[in-house]
Amino acid sequence: MALGKGQEQQDAYHMTARKRRRKNQLSSLKRIRLFATDVDGVLTDAGMYYSESGEEMKKFNTRDGMGIKLLQRAGIITAIVTQERTKLVAWRGEKLTIPEVHQGVMDKLSLVRDMAERHGLSLEEVSYIGDDVNDVATLEVVGFSATPADGMPQAAAVVDYVCAKKGGEGAVREIIEMILVAQHKSVNAIRGKNQ
């Protein structure tokens, strides 16, 4: 199927914007003060698991969780922003002491803007990782955006970085390590801070 002229122009615009943003990746990562993530397909493998009794289950990656703790120790605000509403996400947020857990969010961009404003931050100081069409508007405007290796093409088309790792398999930790390295915050120094 051939693309229409309008679609070709839009694709060319996004490619140019992405190339421009990638050149400034290091400076963008240095400015990050708030890290926000989607859940399904990012913190999890996008699977929906159900027990015999109908109880929903999700698989979270413990390395992503440790990465979130390292960001917190480095003074970066952490957040979950998801369209889903489950006890599992609330429990995961509580276990990781994530201060900003937002579920049932239909307009993620508005919520991320409000959250940044409440913390006295600009959108340039926000990093967001998402994997699907409901993340695209947010991915397009934050200071640093990413999607897991298996994120949807619509998300991959607009982000600053496509992870080598898949959702639920360390993609979040991959971005966190990039932020910490860019900000010269070694994992060993951060780990020693609270021991």
N, C-alpha and C. Protein backbone atom coordinates (compact mmCIF):
# COMPACT_ATOMS: atom_id res chain seq x y z
N MET A 1 0.85 -1.18 0.00
CA MET A 1 0.00 0.00 0.00
C MET A 1 0.89 1.24 0.00
N ALA A 2 0.67 2.15 -0.92
CA ALA A 2 1.47 3.37 -1.02
C ALA A 2 1.02 4.39 0.02
N LEU A 3 2.01 5.11 0.54
CA LEU A 3 1.70 6.17 1.50
C LEU A 3 1.24 7.41 0.76
N GLY A 4 0.31 8.12 1.33
CA GLY A 4 -0.11 9.39 0.76
C GLY A 4 0.95 10.45 0.98
N LYS A 5 0.89 11.51 0.18
CA LYS A 5 1.89 12.58 0.29
C LYS A 5 1.92 13.18 1.69
N GLY A 6 0.77 13.37 2.31
CA GLY A 6 0.71 13.92 3.67
C GLY A 6 1.39 13.01 4.68
N GLN A 7 1.18 11.70 4.53
CA GLN A 7 1.82 10.74 5.44
C GLN A 7 3.33 10.76 5.25
N GLU A 8 3.80 10.84 3.99
CA GLU A 8 5.24 10.89 3.72
C GLU A 8 5.87 12.13 4.36
N GLN A 9 5.19 13.27 4.25
CA GLN A 9 5.71 14.50 4.85
C GLN A 9 5.76 14.39 6.38
N GLN A 10 4.71 13.81 6.94
CA GLN A 10 4.66 13.65 8.39
C GLN A 10 5.79 12.71 8.86
N ASP A 11 6.01 11.62 8.14
CA ASP A 11 7.08 10.69 8.48
C ASP A 11 8.44 11.37 8.37
N ALA A 12 8.65 12.16 7.33
CA ALA A 12 9.91 12.88 7.15
C ALA A 12 10.13 13.87 8.28
N TYR A 13 9.06 14.56 8.70
CA TYR A 13 9.16 15.51 9.81
C TYR A 13 9.59 14.79 11.09
N HIS A 14 8.94 13.65 11.40
CA HIS A 14 9.28 12.90 12.61
C HIS A 14 10.71 12.38 12.57
N MET A 15 11.16 11.91 11.40
CA MET A 15 12.53 11.41 11.27
C MET A 15 13.54 12.54 11.51
N THR A 16 13.30 13.70 10.94
CA THR A 16 14.19 14.84 11.13
C THR A 16 14.21 15.27 12.59
N ALA A 17 13.05 15.35 13.20
CA ALA A 17 12.97 15.75 14.60
C ALA A 17 13.68 14.74 15.48
N ARG A 18 13.52 13.45 15.19
CA ARG A 18 14.16 12.41 15.98
C ARG A 18 15.68 12.48 15.86
N LYS A 19 16.18 12.68 14.64
CA LYS A 19 17.63 12.79 14.45
C LYS A 19 18.18 13.98 15.21
N ARG A 20 17.46 15.10 15.18
CA ARG A 20 17.89 16.30 15.89
C ARG A 20 17.94 16.03 17.39
N ARG A 21 16.92 15.36 17.91
CA ARG A 21 16.85 15.08 19.35
C ARG A 21 17.93 14.10 19.77
N ARG A 22 18.23 13.10 18.93
CA ARG A 22 19.23 12.10 19.29
C ARG A 22 20.61 12.74 19.45
N LYS A 23 20.90 13.76 18.65
CA LYS A 23 22.18 14.45 18.77
C LYS A 23 22.34 15.09 20.15
N ASN A 24 21.23 15.46 20.75
CA ASN A 24 21.26 16.12 22.05
C ASN A 24 20.92 15.15 23.18
N GLN A 25 21.04 13.85 22.94
CA GLN A 25 20.65 12.84 23.91
C GLN A 25 21.36 13.00 25.26
N LEU A 26 22.66 13.19 25.24
CA LEU A 26 23.41 13.31 26.48
C LEU A 26 22.97 14.53 27.28
N SER A 27 22.82 15.67 26.63
CA SER A 27 22.39 16.87 27.36
C SER A 27 20.97 16.70 27.87
N SER A 28 20.13 15.99 27.11
CA SER A 28 18.76 15.74 27.57
C SER A 28 18.76 14.86 28.82
N LEU A 29 19.57 13.82 28.81
CA LEU A 29 19.64 12.91 29.96
C LEU A 29 20.17 13.61 31.21
N LYS A 30 21.09 14.53 31.03
CA LYS A 30 21.66 15.27 32.17
C LYS A 30 20.61 16.11 32.89
N ARG A 31 19.58 16.56 32.17
CA ARG A 31 18.56 17.45 32.74
C ARG A 31 17.41 16.72 33.43
N ILE A 32 17.35 15.41 33.34
CA ILE A 32 16.19 14.66 33.85
C ILE A 32 16.10 14.75 35.38
N ARG A 33 14.92 15.15 35.85
CA ARG A 33 14.64 15.25 37.30
C ARG A 33 13.42 14.43 37.69
N LEU A 34 12.65 13.98 36.66
CA LEU A 34 11.47 13.16 36.91
C LEU A 34 11.44 12.06 35.85
N PHE A 35 11.32 10.81 36.32
CA PHE A 35 11.26 9.66 35.43
C PHE A 35 9.89 9.02 35.58
N ALA A 36 9.14 8.95 34.47
CA ALA A 36 7.80 8.36 34.48
C ALA A 36 7.76 7.18 33.51
N THR A 37 7.00 6.16 33.90
CA THR A 37 6.89 4.97 33.07
C THR A 37 5.46 4.47 32.99
N ASP A 38 5.13 3.91 31.84
CA ASP A 38 3.91 3.17 31.67
C ASP A 38 4.12 1.81 32.35
N VAL A 39 3.08 1.00 32.46
CA VAL A 39 3.22 -0.31 33.11
C VAL A 39 3.18 -1.44 32.09
N ASP A 40 2.01 -1.73 31.53
CA ASP A 40 1.87 -2.89 30.64
C ASP A 40 2.69 -2.70 29.37
N GLY A 41 3.61 -3.63 29.13
CA GLY A 41 4.47 -3.55 27.96
C GLY A 41 5.76 -2.80 28.22
N VAL A 42 5.91 -2.21 29.41
CA VAL A 42 7.13 -1.49 29.77
C VAL A 42 7.72 -2.10 31.04
N LEU A 43 7.01 -1.95 32.15
CA LEU A 43 7.43 -2.61 33.39
C LEU A 43 7.08 -4.09 33.37
N THR A 44 6.14 -4.47 32.50
CA THR A 44 5.76 -5.88 32.35
C THR A 44 5.96 -6.27 30.89
N ASP A 45 5.76 -7.55 30.61
CA ASP A 45 5.93 -8.06 29.24
C ASP A 45 4.68 -7.89 28.38
N ALA A 46 3.71 -7.12 28.84
CA ALA A 46 2.45 -6.84 28.14
C ALA A 46 1.48 -8.01 28.21
N GLY A 47 1.86 -9.08 28.88
CA GLY A 47 0.96 -10.22 29.02
C GLY A 47 -0.06 -9.99 30.12
N MET A 48 -1.21 -10.55 29.96
CA MET A 48 -2.25 -10.55 30.99
C MET A 48 -2.42 -12.00 31.41
N TYR A 49 -2.03 -12.28 32.64
CA TYR A 49 -2.08 -13.65 33.16
C TYR A 49 -3.24 -13.76 34.14
N TYR A 50 -3.95 -14.88 34.08
CA TYR A 50 -5.08 -15.10 34.97
C TYR A 50 -4.97 -16.47 35.61
N SER A 51 -5.26 -16.52 36.91
CA SER A 51 -5.27 -17.80 37.62
C SER A 51 -6.59 -18.51 37.33
N GLU A 52 -6.70 -19.74 37.81
CA GLU A 52 -7.93 -20.52 37.65
C GLU A 52 -9.13 -19.80 38.26
N SER A 53 -8.88 -19.06 39.34
CA SER A 53 -9.97 -18.36 40.03
C SER A 53 -10.28 -17.00 39.40
N GLY A 54 -9.55 -16.66 38.32
CA GLY A 54 -9.80 -15.40 37.63
C GLY A 54 -8.98 -14.23 38.14
N GLU A 55 -8.07 -14.51 39.06
CA GLU A 55 -7.21 -13.45 39.60
C GLU A 55 -6.17 -13.04 38.56
N GLU A 56 -6.03 -11.72 38.35
CA GLU A 56 -5.06 -11.20 37.39
C GLU A 56 -3.67 -11.19 38.01
N MET A 57 -2.66 -11.52 37.18
CA MET A 57 -1.28 -11.50 37.62
C MET A 57 -0.43 -10.77 36.58
N LYS A 58 0.64 -10.15 37.04
CA LYS A 58 1.59 -9.50 36.15
C LYS A 58 2.99 -9.88 36.59
N LYS A 59 3.91 -9.95 35.64
CA LYS A 59 5.30 -10.24 35.95
C LYS A 59 6.10 -8.94 35.82
N PHE A 60 6.72 -8.53 36.94
CA PHE A 60 7.58 -7.35 36.95
C PHE A 60 9.03 -7.80 37.01
N ASN A 61 9.92 -7.02 36.45
CA ASN A 61 11.35 -7.34 36.44
C ASN A 61 12.00 -6.71 37.67
N THR A 62 12.67 -7.52 38.48
CA THR A 62 13.28 -6.99 39.71
C THR A 62 14.42 -6.02 39.41
N ARG A 63 15.07 -6.18 38.29
CA ARG A 63 16.16 -5.24 37.94
C ARG A 63 15.61 -3.85 37.61
N ASP A 64 14.44 -3.82 36.98
CA ASP A 64 13.79 -2.53 36.76
C ASP A 64 13.47 -1.89 38.11
N GLY A 65 12.99 -2.70 39.05
CA GLY A 65 12.67 -2.20 40.39
C GLY A 65 13.89 -1.63 41.09
N MET A 66 15.02 -2.33 41.01
CA MET A 66 16.25 -1.81 41.61
C MET A 66 16.67 -0.52 40.93
N GLY A 67 16.49 -0.45 39.64
CA GLY A 67 16.82 0.78 38.91
C GLY A 67 16.00 1.96 39.42
N ILE A 68 14.72 1.73 39.65
CA ILE A 68 13.85 2.79 40.18
C ILE A 68 14.36 3.24 41.55
N LYS A 69 14.76 2.29 42.39
CA LYS A 69 15.30 2.64 43.71
C LYS A 69 16.59 3.47 43.57
N LEU A 70 17.44 3.12 42.60
CA LEU A 70 18.68 3.87 42.37
C LEU A 70 18.38 5.30 41.93
N LEU A 71 17.38 5.47 41.07
CA LEU A 71 16.99 6.83 40.66
C LEU A 71 16.53 7.64 41.87
N GLN A 72 15.71 7.01 42.72
CA GLN A 72 15.22 7.71 43.91
C GLN A 72 16.39 8.13 44.80
N ARG A 73 17.36 7.25 44.99
CA ARG A 73 18.53 7.57 45.83
C ARG A 73 19.36 8.68 45.21
N ALA A 74 19.28 8.81 43.87
CA ALA A 74 20.00 9.87 43.17
C ALA A 74 19.22 11.18 43.17
N GLY A 75 18.02 11.18 43.81
CA GLY A 75 17.24 12.40 43.92
C GLY A 75 16.28 12.66 42.77
N ILE A 76 16.04 11.66 41.95
CA ILE A 76 15.13 11.82 40.81
C ILE A 76 13.75 11.30 41.21
N ILE A 77 12.72 12.08 40.93
CA ILE A 77 11.34 11.71 41.24
C ILE A 77 10.91 10.60 40.29
N THR A 78 10.22 9.59 40.82
CA THR A 78 9.77 8.48 40.00
C THR A 78 8.25 8.44 39.95
N ALA A 79 7.72 7.97 38.82
CA ALA A 79 6.27 7.97 38.62
C ALA A 79 5.83 6.81 37.75
N ILE A 80 4.63 6.33 38.02
CA ILE A 80 3.94 5.37 37.17
C ILE A 80 2.72 6.08 36.61
N VAL A 81 2.52 5.96 35.29
CA VAL A 81 1.36 6.56 34.63
C VAL A 81 0.77 5.49 33.72
N THR A 82 -0.43 4.99 34.08
CA THR A 82 -1.01 3.90 33.32
C THR A 82 -2.52 4.08 33.13
N GLN A 83 -2.99 3.57 32.03
CA GLN A 83 -4.42 3.63 31.74
C GLN A 83 -5.18 2.56 32.54
N GLU A 84 -4.49 1.49 32.86
CA GLU A 84 -5.10 0.40 33.64
C GLU A 84 -5.30 0.83 35.09
N ARG A 85 -6.16 0.11 35.79
CA ARG A 85 -6.39 0.36 37.20
C ARG A 85 -6.44 -1.00 37.90
N THR A 86 -5.34 -1.36 38.59
CA THR A 86 -5.27 -2.65 39.26
C THR A 86 -4.59 -2.52 40.62
N LYS A 87 -4.94 -3.45 41.51
CA LYS A 87 -4.29 -3.50 42.82
C LYS A 87 -2.81 -3.86 42.66
N LEU A 88 -2.50 -4.66 41.65
CA LEU A 88 -1.11 -5.07 41.43
C LEU A 88 -0.19 -3.87 41.21
N VAL A 89 -0.65 -2.91 40.42
CA VAL A 89 0.15 -1.71 40.15
C VAL A 89 0.29 -0.88 41.43
N ALA A 90 -0.78 -0.76 42.18
CA ALA A 90 -0.72 -0.03 43.46
C ALA A 90 0.28 -0.69 44.39
N TRP A 91 0.26 -2.02 44.47
CA TRP A 91 1.19 -2.75 45.33
C TRP A 91 2.63 -2.57 44.87
N ARG A 92 2.84 -2.63 43.55
CA ARG A 92 4.21 -2.47 43.02
C ARG A 92 4.72 -1.06 43.32
N GLY A 93 3.88 -0.08 43.13
CA GLY A 93 4.26 1.30 43.43
C GLY A 93 4.58 1.48 44.91
N GLU A 94 3.77 0.85 45.75
CA GLU A 94 3.99 0.94 47.20
C GLU A 94 5.29 0.25 47.58
N LYS A 95 5.54 -0.94 47.05
CA LYS A 95 6.75 -1.68 47.36
C LYS A 95 8.00 -0.89 46.99
N LEU A 96 7.94 -0.19 45.86
CA LEU A 96 9.09 0.59 45.39
C LEU A 96 9.08 2.03 45.93
N THR A 97 8.12 2.34 46.77
CA THR A 97 7.92 3.70 47.32
C THR A 97 7.95 4.78 46.23
N ILE A 98 7.25 4.49 45.15
CA ILE A 98 7.13 5.46 44.05
C ILE A 98 6.12 6.52 44.49
N PRO A 99 6.55 7.78 44.56
CA PRO A 99 5.66 8.82 45.09
C PRO A 99 4.49 9.21 44.19
N GLU A 100 4.63 8.97 42.91
CA GLU A 100 3.61 9.37 41.94
C GLU A 100 3.10 8.13 41.21
N VAL A 101 2.02 7.53 41.71
CA VAL A 101 1.40 6.38 41.05
C VAL A 101 0.02 6.82 40.57
N HIS A 102 -0.15 6.86 39.25
CA HIS A 102 -1.39 7.35 38.65
C HIS A 102 -1.98 6.26 37.76
N GLN A 103 -3.17 5.77 38.14
CA GLN A 103 -3.84 4.72 37.39
C GLN A 103 -5.14 5.26 36.79
N GLY A 104 -5.63 4.59 35.77
CA GLY A 104 -6.87 4.98 35.11
C GLY A 104 -6.72 6.29 34.34
N VAL A 105 -5.52 6.57 33.87
CA VAL A 105 -5.23 7.84 33.19
C VAL A 105 -5.53 7.73 31.70
N MET A 106 -6.51 8.49 31.26
CA MET A 106 -6.87 8.48 29.85
C MET A 106 -6.07 9.52 29.05
N ASP A 107 -5.67 10.61 29.68
CA ASP A 107 -4.88 11.65 29.02
C ASP A 107 -3.54 11.75 29.75
N LYS A 108 -2.61 10.93 29.31
CA LYS A 108 -1.31 10.85 29.98
C LYS A 108 -0.52 12.15 29.87
N LEU A 109 -0.61 12.81 28.74
CA LEU A 109 0.12 14.05 28.54
C LEU A 109 -0.31 15.11 29.55
N SER A 110 -1.60 15.29 29.73
CA SER A 110 -2.08 16.29 30.70
C SER A 110 -1.60 15.95 32.10
N LEU A 111 -1.64 14.67 32.45
CA LEU A 111 -1.19 14.28 33.77
C LEU A 111 0.31 14.53 33.95
N VAL A 112 1.11 14.19 32.96
CA VAL A 112 2.56 14.41 33.06
C VAL A 112 2.87 15.90 33.14
N ARG A 113 2.15 16.71 32.37
CA ARG A 113 2.33 18.17 32.46
C ARG A 113 2.02 18.68 33.86
N ASP A 114 0.88 18.24 34.41
CA ASP A 114 0.47 18.66 35.76
C ASP A 114 1.49 18.21 36.80
N MET A 115 1.97 16.99 36.67
CA MET A 115 2.94 16.45 37.61
C MET A 115 4.23 17.27 37.56
N ALA A 116 4.71 17.56 36.38
CA ALA A 116 5.93 18.36 36.23
C ALA A 116 5.73 19.73 36.85
N GLU A 117 4.61 20.35 36.58
CA GLU A 117 4.31 21.68 37.13
C GLU A 117 4.28 21.66 38.66
N ARG A 118 3.65 20.64 39.23
CA ARG A 118 3.59 20.52 40.69
C ARG A 118 4.97 20.43 41.33
N HIS A 119 5.91 19.83 40.60
CA HIS A 119 7.28 19.68 41.11
C HIS A 119 8.19 20.82 40.65
N GLY A 120 7.61 21.81 40.00
CA GLY A 120 8.40 22.96 39.55
C GLY A 120 9.37 22.61 38.42
N LEU A 121 8.98 21.68 37.57
CA LEU A 121 9.85 21.23 36.49
C LEU A 121 9.25 21.57 35.13
N SER A 122 10.11 21.66 34.14
CA SER A 122 9.63 21.80 32.76
C SER A 122 9.54 20.40 32.17
N LEU A 123 8.85 20.26 31.05
CA LEU A 123 8.76 18.96 30.39
C LEU A 123 10.13 18.49 29.90
N GLU A 124 11.06 19.42 29.68
CA GLU A 124 12.42 19.06 29.28
C GLU A 124 13.15 18.31 30.37
N GLU A 125 12.67 18.40 31.61
CA GLU A 125 13.30 17.72 32.74
C GLU A 125 12.62 16.38 33.06
N VAL A 126 11.74 15.95 32.16
CA VAL A 126 10.99 14.71 32.35
C VAL A 126 11.42 13.68 31.32
N SER A 127 11.60 12.43 31.79
CA SER A 127 11.83 11.30 30.90
C SER A 127 10.60 10.40 31.01
N TYR A 128 10.16 9.88 29.88
CA TYR A 128 8.99 9.00 29.86
C TYR A 128 9.27 7.82 28.96
N ILE A 129 8.92 6.63 29.42
CA ILE A 129 9.03 5.43 28.61
C ILE A 129 7.64 4.81 28.47
N GLY A 130 7.23 4.62 27.22
CA GLY A 130 5.93 4.06 26.91
C GLY A 130 6.04 3.18 25.68
N ASP A 131 5.00 2.39 25.43
CA ASP A 131 5.13 1.42 24.35
C ASP A 131 4.00 1.39 23.33
N ASP A 132 2.98 2.23 23.50
CA ASP A 132 1.82 2.06 22.61
C ASP A 132 1.25 3.41 22.18
N VAL A 133 0.19 3.37 21.39
CA VAL A 133 -0.38 4.58 20.81
C VAL A 133 -0.87 5.58 21.86
N ASN A 134 -1.30 5.10 23.01
CA ASN A 134 -1.76 6.03 24.04
C ASN A 134 -0.61 6.73 24.78
N ASP A 135 0.62 6.41 24.41
CA ASP A 135 1.80 7.07 24.99
C ASP A 135 2.42 8.10 24.04
N VAL A 136 2.05 8.05 22.77
CA VAL A 136 2.73 8.84 21.74
C VAL A 136 2.75 10.34 22.04
N ALA A 137 1.62 10.92 22.41
CA ALA A 137 1.57 12.37 22.67
C ALA A 137 2.56 12.77 23.76
N THR A 138 2.68 11.95 24.78
CA THR A 138 3.62 12.23 25.88
C THR A 138 5.05 12.03 25.41
N LEU A 139 5.30 10.95 24.70
CA LEU A 139 6.64 10.65 24.19
C LEU A 139 7.18 11.77 23.30
N GLU A 140 6.28 12.44 22.58
CA GLU A 140 6.71 13.49 21.65
C GLU A 140 7.17 14.77 22.33
N VAL A 141 6.76 15.01 23.57
CA VAL A 141 7.04 16.33 24.16
C VAL A 141 7.99 16.35 25.36
N VAL A 142 8.29 15.19 25.93
CA VAL A 142 9.17 15.19 27.11
C VAL A 142 10.62 15.38 26.71
N GLY A 143 11.46 15.66 27.68
CA GLY A 143 12.88 15.90 27.43
C GLY A 143 13.62 14.70 26.89
N PHE A 144 13.26 13.51 27.38
CA PHE A 144 13.86 12.29 26.86
C PHE A 144 12.81 11.19 26.86
N SER A 145 12.58 10.58 25.69
CA SER A 145 11.55 9.56 25.55
C SER A 145 12.16 8.26 25.05
N ALA A 146 11.54 7.15 25.45
CA ALA A 146 12.04 5.85 25.03
C ALA A 146 10.89 4.86 24.93
N THR A 147 11.14 3.78 24.21
CA THR A 147 10.20 2.67 24.12
C THR A 147 11.01 1.38 24.17
N PRO A 148 10.43 0.32 24.73
CA PRO A 148 11.13 -0.96 24.74
C PRO A 148 11.36 -1.47 23.32
N ALA A 149 12.25 -2.44 23.16
CA ALA A 149 12.56 -3.02 21.85
C ALA A 149 11.32 -3.54 21.16
N ASP A 150 10.33 -4.00 21.94
CA ASP A 150 9.11 -4.53 21.35
C ASP A 150 7.94 -3.56 21.43
N GLY A 151 8.25 -2.27 21.61
CA GLY A 151 7.21 -1.25 21.60
C GLY A 151 6.56 -1.17 20.23
N MET A 152 5.35 -0.65 20.18
CA MET A 152 4.62 -0.54 18.92
C MET A 152 5.34 0.45 17.97
N PRO A 153 5.22 0.23 16.66
CA PRO A 153 5.90 1.11 15.69
C PRO A 153 5.54 2.59 15.86
N GLN A 154 4.29 2.88 16.26
CA GLN A 154 3.90 4.28 16.44
C GLN A 154 4.71 4.94 17.56
N ALA A 155 5.04 4.20 18.60
CA ALA A 155 5.86 4.73 19.69
C ALA A 155 7.31 4.84 19.23
N ALA A 156 7.81 3.80 18.58
CA ALA A 156 9.20 3.80 18.12
C ALA A 156 9.47 4.94 17.14
N ALA A 157 8.45 5.36 16.39
CA ALA A 157 8.62 6.41 15.39
C ALA A 157 8.87 7.78 16.00
N VAL A 158 8.51 7.98 17.26
CA VAL A 158 8.60 9.34 17.83
C VAL A 158 9.59 9.47 18.99
N VAL A 159 10.17 8.37 19.46
CA VAL A 159 11.02 8.44 20.65
C VAL A 159 12.45 8.85 20.33
N ASP A 160 13.15 9.26 21.39
CA ASP A 160 14.57 9.58 21.28
C ASP A 160 15.42 8.31 21.27
N TYR A 161 14.88 7.23 21.87
CA TYR A 161 15.68 6.02 22.03
C TYR A 161 14.79 4.78 22.04
N VAL A 162 15.18 3.78 21.26
CA VAL A 162 14.52 2.48 21.29
C VAL A 162 15.46 1.54 22.05
N CYS A 163 14.97 0.99 23.14
CA CYS A 163 15.78 0.12 23.99
C CYS A 163 16.22 -1.15 23.27
N ALA A 164 17.33 -1.71 23.71
CA ALA A 164 17.76 -3.02 23.24
C ALA A 164 16.94 -4.11 23.92
N LYS A 165 16.44 -3.81 25.13
CA LYS A 165 15.67 -4.78 25.92
C LYS A 165 14.17 -4.61 25.67
N LYS A 166 13.44 -5.70 25.86
CA LYS A 166 11.99 -5.69 25.71
C LYS A 166 11.32 -5.24 27.01
N GLY A 167 10.04 -4.93 26.90
CA GLY A 167 9.25 -4.59 28.07
C GLY A 167 9.21 -5.75 29.05
N GLY A 168 9.38 -5.45 30.33
CA GLY A 168 9.38 -6.49 31.36
C GLY A 168 10.66 -7.28 31.42
N GLU A 169 11.63 -6.93 30.57
CA GLU A 169 12.89 -7.67 30.52
C GLU A 169 14.10 -6.75 30.70
N GLY A 170 13.87 -5.59 31.34
CA GLY A 170 14.99 -4.71 31.64
C GLY A 170 15.06 -3.42 30.85
N ALA A 171 14.03 -3.10 30.05
CA ALA A 171 14.04 -1.85 29.28
C ALA A 171 14.09 -0.63 30.20
N VAL A 172 13.33 -0.67 31.28
CA VAL A 172 13.32 0.46 32.21
C VAL A 172 14.70 0.65 32.83
N ARG A 173 15.32 -0.43 33.26
CA ARG A 173 16.67 -0.35 33.85
C ARG A 173 17.66 0.20 32.84
N GLU A 174 17.51 -0.17 31.58
CA GLU A 174 18.40 0.33 30.53
C GLU A 174 18.36 1.86 30.46
N ILE A 175 17.18 2.44 30.48
CA ILE A 175 17.05 3.90 30.44
C ILE A 175 17.59 4.52 31.72
N ILE A 176 17.29 3.90 32.85
CA ILE A 176 17.76 4.42 34.14
C ILE A 176 19.29 4.47 34.17
N GLU A 177 19.93 3.41 33.69
CA GLU A 177 21.40 3.40 33.66
C GLU A 177 21.93 4.54 32.79
N MET A 178 21.26 4.80 31.67
CA MET A 178 21.67 5.90 30.79
C MET A 178 21.58 7.24 31.52
N ILE A 179 20.49 7.44 32.27
CA ILE A 179 20.31 8.69 33.03
C ILE A 179 21.40 8.82 34.08
N LEU A 180 21.65 7.77 34.83
CA LEU A 180 22.65 7.82 35.90
C LEU A 180 24.05 8.08 35.35
N VAL A 181 24.40 7.42 34.25
CA VAL A 181 25.71 7.63 33.63
C VAL A 181 25.84 9.07 33.14
N ALA A 182 24.81 9.56 32.46
CA ALA A 182 24.85 10.94 31.93
C ALA A 182 24.99 11.96 33.06
N GLN A 183 24.42 11.66 34.21
CA GLN A 183 24.47 12.59 35.34
C GLN A 183 25.65 12.29 36.27
N HIS A 184 26.54 11.42 35.81
CA HIS A 184 27.75 11.06 36.57
C HIS A 184 27.43 10.56 37.97
N LYS A 185 26.38 9.78 38.08
CA LYS A 185 25.98 9.21 39.36
C LYS A 185 26.22 7.71 39.27
N SER A 186 27.33 7.27 39.83
CA SER A 186 27.67 5.85 39.72
C SER A 186 26.74 5.03 40.60
N VAL A 187 26.45 3.85 40.12
CA VAL A 187 25.58 2.93 40.86
C VAL A 187 26.21 2.60 42.21
N ASN A 188 27.53 2.39 42.25
CA ASN A 188 28.18 2.05 43.51
C ASN A 188 28.08 3.18 44.54
N ALA A 189 28.24 4.41 44.10
CA ALA A 189 28.14 5.54 45.02
C ALA A 189 26.72 5.69 45.54
N ILE A 190 25.74 5.50 44.66
CA ILE A 190 24.34 5.61 45.07
C ILE A 190 24.00 4.48 46.03
N ARG A 191 24.45 3.27 45.71
CA ARG A 191 24.17 2.11 46.55
C ARG A 191 24.75 2.33 47.95
N GLY A 192 25.96 2.89 48.03
CA GLY A 192 26.61 3.12 49.31
C GLY A 192 25.96 4.21 50.13
N LYS A 193 25.20 5.08 49.49
CA LYS A 193 24.55 6.21 50.15
C LYS A 193 23.62 5.78 51.29
N ASN A 194 22.89 4.69 51.07
CA ASN A 194 21.87 4.27 52.04
C ASN A 194 22.23 2.97 52.75
N GLN A 195 23.49 2.63 52.80
CA GLN A 195 23.85 1.38 53.49
C GLN A 195 24.36 1.68 54.87
